[in-house]
Amino acid sequence: MLCEICGKSQATVHYTEIINNESSETHLCEDCARKKGAMLKPHFPLADLLSGLIDFNLPLTLEDKGRGKCPQCGLTYSDFKKIGRLGCGQCYDTFKESLAPLLKRVHGSNEHVGKSSALAGKAMQEATLQLRELQERLQKAIQREEFEEAARLRDRIREIEKKTRKSAASE
């Protein structure tokens, strides 16, 4: 497809404009898009975003004092600030104190509250169903005054709840 303005170059920018709930799409080459003001900054590094969020008011020397280096990959906190990426899974534990406020600022929370993987979700769903069934059986055992059975069911419920909390915390 050729640019709708110059008609010469290949259209690589697809510009959609919405005015008064009416949408119009224009296909432009990069030069015409730049002239029209439709070009966004083509490169937006994560490090630039993070640098505005990470301890911006502290000098680098104070920032890194006591934060150390990741024992697994050797990344320092100042390296993280420069590249905007952690080196390995161990970095999360190594820089936990520094990352917690950052995660809270970026996500609104430093605990995972979103979707879990399909596999984990299925396991959680099965555990929930199993808990409901055991709780119903527990209530029936109590009504029948079968207290040994009720105690066994209670212990099984506690065991499943404990496993569920551990797996939820590790996600």
N, C-alpha and C. Protein backbone atom coordinates (compact mmCIF):
# COMPACT_ATOMS: atom_id res chain seq x y z
N MET A 1 0.85 -1.17 0.00
CA MET A 1 0.00 0.00 0.00
C MET A 1 0.90 1.24 0.00
N LEU A 2 0.55 2.22 -0.83
CA LEU A 2 1.31 3.46 -0.91
C LEU A 2 0.74 4.49 0.06
N CYS A 3 1.59 5.44 0.40
CA CYS A 3 1.22 6.53 1.30
C CYS A 3 0.06 7.31 0.69
N GLU A 4 -0.95 7.62 1.49
CA GLU A 4 -2.13 8.33 1.01
C GLU A 4 -1.88 9.81 0.79
N ILE A 5 -0.76 10.34 1.30
CA ILE A 5 -0.47 11.77 1.11
C ILE A 5 0.44 11.97 -0.11
N CYS A 6 1.61 11.33 -0.11
CA CYS A 6 2.56 11.55 -1.21
C CYS A 6 2.33 10.58 -2.37
N GLY A 7 1.78 9.42 -2.10
CA GLY A 7 1.52 8.43 -3.14
C GLY A 7 2.78 7.81 -3.72
N LYS A 8 3.95 8.03 -3.11
CA LYS A 8 5.21 7.53 -3.66
C LYS A 8 5.81 6.39 -2.83
N SER A 9 5.85 6.58 -1.53
CA SER A 9 6.52 5.63 -0.64
C SER A 9 5.54 4.63 -0.05
N GLN A 10 6.12 3.54 0.43
CA GLN A 10 5.34 2.49 1.09
C GLN A 10 4.75 3.01 2.40
N ALA A 11 3.46 2.77 2.64
CA ALA A 11 2.81 3.18 3.89
C ALA A 11 3.19 2.20 5.00
N THR A 12 3.87 2.73 6.01
CA THR A 12 4.28 1.88 7.14
C THR A 12 3.65 2.36 8.45
N VAL A 13 3.01 3.53 8.43
CA VAL A 13 2.37 4.08 9.61
C VAL A 13 0.87 4.11 9.34
N HIS A 14 0.12 3.51 10.23
CA HIS A 14 -1.33 3.49 10.08
C HIS A 14 -1.89 4.36 11.19
N TYR A 15 -2.33 5.54 10.81
CA TYR A 15 -2.73 6.60 11.75
C TYR A 15 -4.25 6.62 11.85
N THR A 16 -4.76 6.40 13.07
CA THR A 16 -6.20 6.43 13.31
C THR A 16 -6.52 7.66 14.12
N GLU A 17 -7.49 8.44 13.65
CA GLU A 17 -7.88 9.66 14.32
C GLU A 17 -9.36 9.54 14.66
N ILE A 18 -9.72 9.85 15.90
CA ILE A 18 -11.12 9.78 16.32
C ILE A 18 -11.55 11.18 16.73
N ILE A 19 -12.52 11.72 16.00
CA ILE A 19 -13.05 13.05 16.28
C ILE A 19 -14.57 12.94 16.35
N ASN A 20 -15.13 13.39 17.48
CA ASN A 20 -16.59 13.31 17.70
C ASN A 20 -17.13 11.90 17.46
N ASN A 21 -16.45 10.92 18.02
CA ASN A 21 -16.82 9.51 17.92
C ASN A 21 -16.80 8.96 16.50
N GLU A 22 -16.17 9.67 15.57
CA GLU A 22 -16.02 9.18 14.20
C GLU A 22 -14.55 8.88 13.95
N SER A 23 -14.28 7.68 13.46
CA SER A 23 -12.92 7.21 13.26
C SER A 23 -12.53 7.34 11.79
N SER A 24 -11.31 7.80 11.56
CA SER A 24 -10.78 7.81 10.19
C SER A 24 -9.35 7.28 10.25
N GLU A 25 -9.02 6.42 9.30
CA GLU A 25 -7.70 5.80 9.28
C GLU A 25 -6.95 6.28 8.05
N THR A 26 -5.69 6.65 8.25
CA THR A 26 -4.85 7.13 7.16
C THR A 26 -3.58 6.28 7.14
N HIS A 27 -3.16 5.88 5.96
CA HIS A 27 -1.96 5.07 5.80
C HIS A 27 -0.87 5.96 5.21
N LEU A 28 0.23 6.10 5.96
CA LEU A 28 1.27 7.07 5.61
C LEU A 28 2.65 6.43 5.56
N CYS A 29 3.54 7.08 4.80
CA CYS A 29 4.95 6.70 4.86
C CYS A 29 5.53 7.42 6.08
N GLU A 30 6.73 7.04 6.47
CA GLU A 30 7.32 7.63 7.68
C GLU A 30 7.53 9.14 7.54
N ASP A 31 7.97 9.59 6.37
CA ASP A 31 8.22 11.04 6.18
C ASP A 31 6.93 11.84 6.32
N CYS A 32 5.87 11.40 5.66
CA CYS A 32 4.60 12.14 5.74
C CYS A 32 4.01 12.06 7.15
N ALA A 33 4.19 10.91 7.82
CA ALA A 33 3.68 10.76 9.18
C ALA A 33 4.41 11.73 10.11
N ARG A 34 5.73 11.87 9.91
CA ARG A 34 6.51 12.79 10.74
C ARG A 34 6.04 14.23 10.52
N LYS A 35 5.80 14.59 9.25
CA LYS A 35 5.33 15.94 8.93
C LYS A 35 3.95 16.19 9.53
N LYS A 36 3.10 15.16 9.53
CA LYS A 36 1.74 15.30 10.07
C LYS A 36 1.74 15.26 11.60
N GLY A 37 2.87 14.83 12.19
CA GLY A 37 2.96 14.74 13.65
C GLY A 37 2.39 13.44 14.17
N ALA A 38 2.31 12.45 13.31
CA ALA A 38 1.72 11.16 13.69
C ALA A 38 2.75 10.15 14.13
N MET A 39 4.03 10.52 14.14
CA MET A 39 5.06 9.57 14.54
C MET A 39 5.29 9.66 16.03
N LEU A 40 5.23 8.54 16.68
CA LEU A 40 5.57 8.46 18.10
C LEU A 40 7.03 8.13 18.20
N LYS A 41 7.57 8.36 19.36
CA LYS A 41 8.97 7.99 19.59
C LYS A 41 9.10 6.50 19.33
N PRO A 42 9.94 6.08 18.38
CA PRO A 42 9.99 4.67 18.00
C PRO A 42 10.63 3.76 19.04
N HIS A 43 11.36 4.34 19.96
CA HIS A 43 12.09 3.52 20.92
C HIS A 43 11.81 4.07 22.32
N PHE A 44 11.24 3.24 23.17
CA PHE A 44 10.92 3.67 24.53
C PHE A 44 11.49 2.65 25.49
N PRO A 45 12.75 2.83 25.88
CA PRO A 45 13.38 1.83 26.74
C PRO A 45 12.78 1.79 28.15
N LEU A 46 12.63 0.59 28.64
CA LEU A 46 12.11 0.38 29.98
C LEU A 46 12.99 1.06 31.02
N ALA A 47 14.27 1.09 30.77
CA ALA A 47 15.19 1.72 31.72
C ALA A 47 14.85 3.20 31.91
N ASP A 48 14.43 3.88 30.84
CA ASP A 48 14.05 5.29 30.96
C ASP A 48 12.85 5.46 31.88
N LEU A 49 11.88 4.57 31.74
CA LEU A 49 10.70 4.62 32.60
C LEU A 49 11.08 4.35 34.05
N LEU A 50 11.85 3.30 34.27
CA LEU A 50 12.23 2.93 35.63
C LEU A 50 13.10 3.96 36.29
N SER A 51 13.95 4.64 35.52
CA SER A 51 14.84 5.62 36.14
C SER A 51 14.04 6.74 36.79
N GLY A 52 12.85 6.99 36.30
CA GLY A 52 12.00 8.00 36.91
C GLY A 52 11.30 7.50 38.16
N LEU A 53 11.32 6.21 38.38
CA LEU A 53 10.62 5.63 39.52
C LEU A 53 11.55 5.14 40.62
N ILE A 54 12.79 4.82 40.28
CA ILE A 54 13.70 4.19 41.22
C ILE A 54 14.49 5.23 42.00
N ASP A 55 14.19 5.37 43.24
CA ASP A 55 15.00 6.19 44.16
C ASP A 55 15.64 7.39 43.49
N PHE A 56 14.89 8.13 42.71
CA PHE A 56 15.45 9.22 41.92
C PHE A 56 16.06 10.33 42.76
N ASN A 57 15.71 10.41 44.01
CA ASN A 57 16.21 11.51 44.82
C ASN A 57 17.46 11.16 45.63
N LEU A 58 17.98 9.97 45.48
CA LEU A 58 19.18 9.59 46.22
C LEU A 58 20.38 9.54 45.29
N PRO A 59 21.54 10.02 45.74
CA PRO A 59 22.74 9.87 44.91
C PRO A 59 23.11 8.40 44.79
N LEU A 60 23.73 8.05 43.69
CA LEU A 60 24.05 6.65 43.39
C LEU A 60 24.86 5.99 44.49
N THR A 61 25.81 6.69 45.09
CA THR A 61 26.65 6.07 46.11
C THR A 61 25.84 5.67 47.34
N LEU A 62 24.88 6.49 47.75
CA LEU A 62 24.06 6.14 48.91
C LEU A 62 23.09 5.02 48.56
N GLU A 63 22.60 5.05 47.34
CA GLU A 63 21.65 4.06 46.88
C GLU A 63 22.19 2.64 46.98
N ASP A 64 23.42 2.47 46.50
CA ASP A 64 23.99 1.14 46.42
C ASP A 64 24.59 0.65 47.73
N LYS A 65 24.76 1.56 48.67
CA LYS A 65 25.38 1.20 49.94
C LYS A 65 24.54 0.14 50.64
N GLY A 66 25.11 -0.99 50.91
CA GLY A 66 24.43 -2.06 51.63
C GLY A 66 23.50 -2.92 50.78
N ARG A 67 23.35 -2.61 49.52
CA ARG A 67 22.45 -3.42 48.69
C ARG A 67 23.17 -4.59 48.06
N GLY A 68 24.44 -4.50 47.94
CA GLY A 68 25.25 -5.62 47.50
C GLY A 68 25.11 -5.99 46.05
N LYS A 69 25.40 -7.26 45.84
CA LYS A 69 25.47 -7.81 44.50
C LYS A 69 24.75 -9.15 44.53
N CYS A 70 24.06 -9.47 43.47
CA CYS A 70 23.37 -10.75 43.40
C CYS A 70 24.40 -11.88 43.41
N PRO A 71 24.26 -12.83 44.34
CA PRO A 71 25.26 -13.90 44.42
C PRO A 71 25.22 -14.85 43.23
N GLN A 72 24.10 -14.89 42.52
CA GLN A 72 23.98 -15.82 41.39
C GLN A 72 24.51 -15.23 40.09
N CYS A 73 24.11 -13.98 39.76
CA CYS A 73 24.49 -13.43 38.45
C CYS A 73 25.46 -12.26 38.55
N GLY A 74 25.68 -11.72 39.76
CA GLY A 74 26.62 -10.63 39.94
C GLY A 74 26.08 -9.24 39.65
N LEU A 75 24.80 -9.12 39.34
CA LEU A 75 24.20 -7.82 39.06
C LEU A 75 24.18 -6.96 40.31
N THR A 76 24.49 -5.67 40.16
CA THR A 76 24.38 -4.75 41.28
C THR A 76 23.10 -3.93 41.09
N TYR A 77 22.69 -3.24 42.14
CA TYR A 77 21.48 -2.43 42.04
C TYR A 77 21.67 -1.29 41.05
N SER A 78 22.87 -0.73 40.99
CA SER A 78 23.11 0.34 40.02
C SER A 78 23.05 -0.21 38.60
N ASP A 79 23.48 -1.46 38.39
CA ASP A 79 23.33 -2.09 37.07
C ASP A 79 21.85 -2.21 36.71
N PHE A 80 21.04 -2.61 37.68
CA PHE A 80 19.60 -2.73 37.47
C PHE A 80 19.01 -1.38 37.05
N LYS A 81 19.45 -0.33 37.73
CA LYS A 81 18.94 1.01 37.40
C LYS A 81 19.33 1.41 35.98
N LYS A 82 20.52 1.03 35.55
CA LYS A 82 20.98 1.41 34.21
C LYS A 82 20.24 0.66 33.11
N ILE A 83 20.05 -0.66 33.31
CA ILE A 83 19.47 -1.46 32.22
C ILE A 83 17.97 -1.70 32.39
N GLY A 84 17.45 -1.47 33.60
CA GLY A 84 16.01 -1.63 33.81
C GLY A 84 15.55 -3.07 33.84
N ARG A 85 16.46 -4.01 34.06
CA ARG A 85 16.14 -5.43 34.08
C ARG A 85 16.95 -6.14 35.14
N LEU A 86 16.36 -7.12 35.76
CA LEU A 86 17.09 -7.95 36.72
C LEU A 86 17.81 -9.04 35.95
N GLY A 87 18.88 -9.55 36.53
CA GLY A 87 19.68 -10.54 35.84
C GLY A 87 19.18 -11.97 35.95
N CYS A 88 18.54 -12.30 37.09
CA CYS A 88 18.08 -13.67 37.30
C CYS A 88 17.00 -13.68 38.38
N GLY A 89 16.46 -14.83 38.67
CA GLY A 89 15.43 -14.95 39.69
C GLY A 89 15.92 -14.63 41.09
N GLN A 90 17.18 -14.88 41.35
CA GLN A 90 17.77 -14.60 42.67
C GLN A 90 17.82 -13.10 42.96
N CYS A 91 17.87 -12.27 41.91
CA CYS A 91 17.91 -10.81 42.08
C CYS A 91 16.70 -10.31 42.85
N TYR A 92 15.54 -10.95 42.67
CA TYR A 92 14.34 -10.52 43.38
C TYR A 92 14.54 -10.61 44.89
N ASP A 93 15.20 -11.68 45.33
CA ASP A 93 15.47 -11.83 46.77
C ASP A 93 16.58 -10.89 47.21
N THR A 94 17.62 -10.78 46.39
CA THR A 94 18.76 -9.94 46.75
C THR A 94 18.36 -8.48 46.93
N PHE A 95 17.53 -7.97 46.04
CA PHE A 95 17.15 -6.55 46.05
C PHE A 95 15.72 -6.34 46.53
N LYS A 96 15.23 -7.28 47.32
CA LYS A 96 13.83 -7.26 47.76
C LYS A 96 13.43 -5.93 48.42
N GLU A 97 14.27 -5.43 49.32
CA GLU A 97 13.94 -4.19 50.03
C GLU A 97 13.80 -3.01 49.07
N SER A 98 14.63 -2.97 48.05
CA SER A 98 14.59 -1.86 47.09
C SER A 98 13.48 -2.04 46.07
N LEU A 99 13.18 -3.30 45.72
CA LEU A 99 12.16 -3.55 44.70
C LEU A 99 10.74 -3.41 45.21
N ALA A 100 10.52 -3.68 46.49
CA ALA A 100 9.15 -3.63 47.04
C ALA A 100 8.50 -2.27 46.83
N PRO A 101 9.14 -1.15 47.20
CA PRO A 101 8.50 0.14 46.96
C PRO A 101 8.33 0.45 45.47
N LEU A 102 9.28 0.01 44.65
CA LEU A 102 9.19 0.23 43.21
C LEU A 102 7.98 -0.51 42.63
N LEU A 103 7.83 -1.78 42.99
CA LEU A 103 6.70 -2.57 42.51
C LEU A 103 5.38 -1.96 42.96
N LYS A 104 5.37 -1.46 44.18
CA LYS A 104 4.15 -0.84 44.70
C LYS A 104 3.80 0.41 43.89
N ARG A 105 4.82 1.21 43.55
CA ARG A 105 4.59 2.42 42.75
C ARG A 105 4.12 2.08 41.34
N VAL A 106 4.71 1.07 40.73
CA VAL A 106 4.39 0.71 39.35
C VAL A 106 3.04 0.01 39.25
N HIS A 107 2.79 -0.97 40.13
CA HIS A 107 1.60 -1.82 40.02
C HIS A 107 0.50 -1.49 41.02
N GLY A 108 0.78 -0.63 41.98
CA GLY A 108 -0.22 -0.32 42.99
C GLY A 108 -0.19 -1.29 44.15
N SER A 109 0.60 -2.34 44.03
CA SER A 109 0.74 -3.34 45.09
C SER A 109 2.04 -4.09 44.86
N ASN A 110 2.62 -4.62 45.92
CA ASN A 110 3.81 -5.44 45.72
C ASN A 110 3.49 -6.92 45.94
N GLU A 111 2.20 -7.26 45.89
CA GLU A 111 1.76 -8.64 45.94
C GLU A 111 0.98 -8.96 44.68
N HIS A 112 1.15 -10.16 44.17
CA HIS A 112 0.45 -10.55 42.96
C HIS A 112 -1.04 -10.75 43.26
N VAL A 113 -1.88 -10.04 42.50
CA VAL A 113 -3.32 -10.18 42.69
C VAL A 113 -4.02 -10.46 41.37
N GLY A 114 -3.27 -10.65 40.32
CA GLY A 114 -3.85 -10.85 38.99
C GLY A 114 -4.08 -12.32 38.69
N LYS A 115 -4.10 -12.60 37.41
CA LYS A 115 -4.35 -13.96 36.95
C LYS A 115 -3.17 -14.85 37.28
N SER A 116 -3.46 -16.12 37.46
CA SER A 116 -2.38 -17.09 37.64
C SER A 116 -2.36 -17.97 36.40
N SER A 117 -1.33 -18.77 36.27
CA SER A 117 -1.23 -19.64 35.11
C SER A 117 -2.41 -20.61 35.08
N ALA A 118 -2.73 -21.10 33.91
CA ALA A 118 -3.87 -22.01 33.75
C ALA A 118 -3.69 -23.25 34.63
N LEU A 119 -2.46 -23.76 34.71
CA LEU A 119 -2.19 -24.94 35.51
C LEU A 119 -2.42 -24.66 36.99
N ALA A 120 -1.89 -23.53 37.47
CA ALA A 120 -2.07 -23.17 38.87
C ALA A 120 -3.53 -22.89 39.16
N GLY A 121 -4.21 -22.24 38.23
CA GLY A 121 -5.63 -21.94 38.40
C GLY A 121 -6.46 -23.19 38.51
N LYS A 122 -6.13 -24.20 37.70
CA LYS A 122 -6.86 -25.47 37.74
C LYS A 122 -6.62 -26.18 39.07
N ALA A 123 -5.39 -26.19 39.54
CA ALA A 123 -5.07 -26.82 40.82
C ALA A 123 -5.81 -26.12 41.96
N MET A 124 -5.87 -24.78 41.89
CA MET A 124 -6.57 -24.00 42.92
C MET A 124 -8.07 -24.32 42.90
N GLN A 125 -8.61 -24.44 41.70
CA GLN A 125 -10.04 -24.75 41.55
C GLN A 125 -10.35 -26.13 42.13
N GLU A 126 -9.48 -27.10 41.85
CA GLU A 126 -9.67 -28.45 42.38
C GLU A 126 -9.59 -28.45 43.91
N ALA A 127 -8.64 -27.70 44.45
CA ALA A 127 -8.48 -27.62 45.91
C ALA A 127 -9.72 -26.98 46.54
N THR A 128 -10.28 -25.96 45.88
CA THR A 128 -11.49 -25.30 46.40
C THR A 128 -12.66 -26.26 46.42
N LEU A 129 -12.82 -27.04 45.36
CA LEU A 129 -13.91 -28.03 45.31
C LEU A 129 -13.72 -29.08 46.40
N GLN A 130 -12.48 -29.54 46.56
CA GLN A 130 -12.18 -30.54 47.58
C GLN A 130 -12.47 -29.99 48.97
N LEU A 131 -12.11 -28.74 49.21
CA LEU A 131 -12.38 -28.11 50.51
C LEU A 131 -13.88 -28.03 50.79
N ARG A 132 -14.66 -27.65 49.80
CA ARG A 132 -16.12 -27.57 49.98
C ARG A 132 -16.70 -28.93 50.36
N GLU A 133 -16.25 -29.94 49.64
CA GLU A 133 -16.75 -31.29 49.91
C GLU A 133 -16.39 -31.73 51.33
N LEU A 134 -15.12 -31.49 51.72
CA LEU A 134 -14.69 -31.88 53.05
C LEU A 134 -15.43 -31.10 54.14
N GLN A 135 -15.70 -29.83 53.90
CA GLN A 135 -16.44 -29.02 54.88
C GLN A 135 -17.87 -29.52 55.04
N GLU A 136 -18.50 -29.93 53.93
CA GLU A 136 -19.85 -30.50 54.02
C GLU A 136 -19.83 -31.81 54.82
N ARG A 137 -18.83 -32.64 54.52
CA ARG A 137 -18.71 -33.91 55.25
C ARG A 137 -18.44 -33.65 56.73
N LEU A 138 -17.64 -32.61 57.03
CA LEU A 138 -17.36 -32.25 58.42
C LEU A 138 -18.65 -31.86 59.15
N GLN A 139 -19.47 -31.04 58.53
CA GLN A 139 -20.73 -30.61 59.15
C GLN A 139 -21.65 -31.82 59.41
N LYS A 140 -21.72 -32.74 58.46
CA LYS A 140 -22.55 -33.93 58.64
C LYS A 140 -22.01 -34.82 59.77
N ALA A 141 -20.68 -34.94 59.84
CA ALA A 141 -20.08 -35.75 60.91
C ALA A 141 -20.38 -35.13 62.28
N ILE A 142 -20.34 -33.82 62.36
CA ILE A 142 -20.65 -33.14 63.63
C ILE A 142 -22.12 -33.36 64.00
N GLN A 143 -23.00 -33.26 63.02
CA GLN A 143 -24.44 -33.47 63.28
C GLN A 143 -24.72 -34.89 63.76
N ARG A 144 -23.96 -35.85 63.21
CA ARG A 144 -24.14 -37.25 63.61
C ARG A 144 -23.35 -37.58 64.88
N GLU A 145 -22.64 -36.57 65.39
CA GLU A 145 -21.80 -36.71 66.59
C GLU A 145 -20.70 -37.76 66.40
N GLU A 146 -20.15 -37.82 65.20
CA GLU A 146 -19.01 -38.68 64.90
C GLU A 146 -17.75 -37.80 65.01
N PHE A 147 -17.34 -37.58 66.24
CA PHE A 147 -16.31 -36.58 66.51
C PHE A 147 -14.91 -36.99 66.05
N GLU A 148 -14.62 -38.28 66.06
CA GLU A 148 -13.30 -38.73 65.57
C GLU A 148 -13.20 -38.47 64.07
N GLU A 149 -14.27 -38.78 63.34
CA GLU A 149 -14.31 -38.52 61.90
C GLU A 149 -14.24 -37.00 61.65
N ALA A 150 -14.94 -36.22 62.46
CA ALA A 150 -14.94 -34.77 62.32
C ALA A 150 -13.53 -34.21 62.54
N ALA A 151 -12.82 -34.75 63.52
CA ALA A 151 -11.45 -34.29 63.80
C ALA A 151 -10.53 -34.63 62.63
N ARG A 152 -10.71 -35.83 62.06
CA ARG A 152 -9.89 -36.24 60.91
C ARG A 152 -10.16 -35.31 59.72
N LEU A 153 -11.44 -35.00 59.47
CA LEU A 153 -11.81 -34.11 58.36
C LEU A 153 -11.28 -32.69 58.60
N ARG A 154 -11.38 -32.22 59.84
CA ARG A 154 -10.86 -30.90 60.19
C ARG A 154 -9.37 -30.80 59.89
N ASP A 155 -8.61 -31.82 60.28
CA ASP A 155 -7.17 -31.83 60.04
C ASP A 155 -6.85 -31.85 58.55
N ARG A 156 -7.64 -32.61 57.81
CA ARG A 156 -7.43 -32.68 56.35
C ARG A 156 -7.72 -31.31 55.71
N ILE A 157 -8.75 -30.63 56.16
CA ILE A 157 -9.10 -29.30 55.66
C ILE A 157 -7.95 -28.33 55.93
N ARG A 158 -7.44 -28.36 57.14
CA ARG A 158 -6.32 -27.46 57.51
C ARG A 158 -5.09 -27.72 56.64
N GLU A 159 -4.82 -28.99 56.37
CA GLU A 159 -3.67 -29.38 55.55
C GLU A 159 -3.81 -28.81 54.13
N ILE A 160 -4.99 -28.96 53.55
CA ILE A 160 -5.23 -28.45 52.19
C ILE A 160 -5.15 -26.93 52.16
N GLU A 161 -5.73 -26.27 53.17
CA GLU A 161 -5.68 -24.80 53.23
C GLU A 161 -4.24 -24.31 53.34
N LYS A 162 -3.43 -25.01 54.11
CA LYS A 162 -2.03 -24.63 54.28
C LYS A 162 -1.29 -24.76 52.95
N LYS A 163 -1.50 -25.86 52.23
CA LYS A 163 -0.86 -26.06 50.92
C LYS A 163 -1.31 -25.00 49.93
N THR A 164 -2.60 -24.66 49.97
CA THR A 164 -3.14 -23.67 49.06
C THR A 164 -2.52 -22.30 49.31
N ARG A 165 -2.37 -21.94 50.59
CA ARG A 165 -1.75 -20.65 50.93
C ARG A 165 -0.29 -20.60 50.47
N LYS A 166 0.43 -21.71 50.66
CA LYS A 166 1.84 -21.77 50.25
C LYS A 166 1.97 -21.62 48.74
N SER A 167 1.13 -22.34 47.99
CA SER A 167 1.24 -22.25 46.53
C SER A 167 0.81 -20.89 46.02
N ALA A 168 -0.16 -20.24 46.67
CA ALA A 168 -0.60 -18.90 46.27
C ALA A 168 0.50 -17.88 46.57
N ALA A 169 1.20 -18.07 47.67
CA ALA A 169 2.28 -17.14 48.05
C ALA A 169 3.48 -17.27 47.12
N SER A 170 3.71 -18.45 46.57
CA SER A 170 4.88 -18.65 45.72
C SER A 170 4.66 -18.18 44.29
N GLU A 171 3.44 -17.84 43.90
CA GLU A 171 3.18 -17.39 42.53
C GLU A 171 3.53 -15.95 42.34
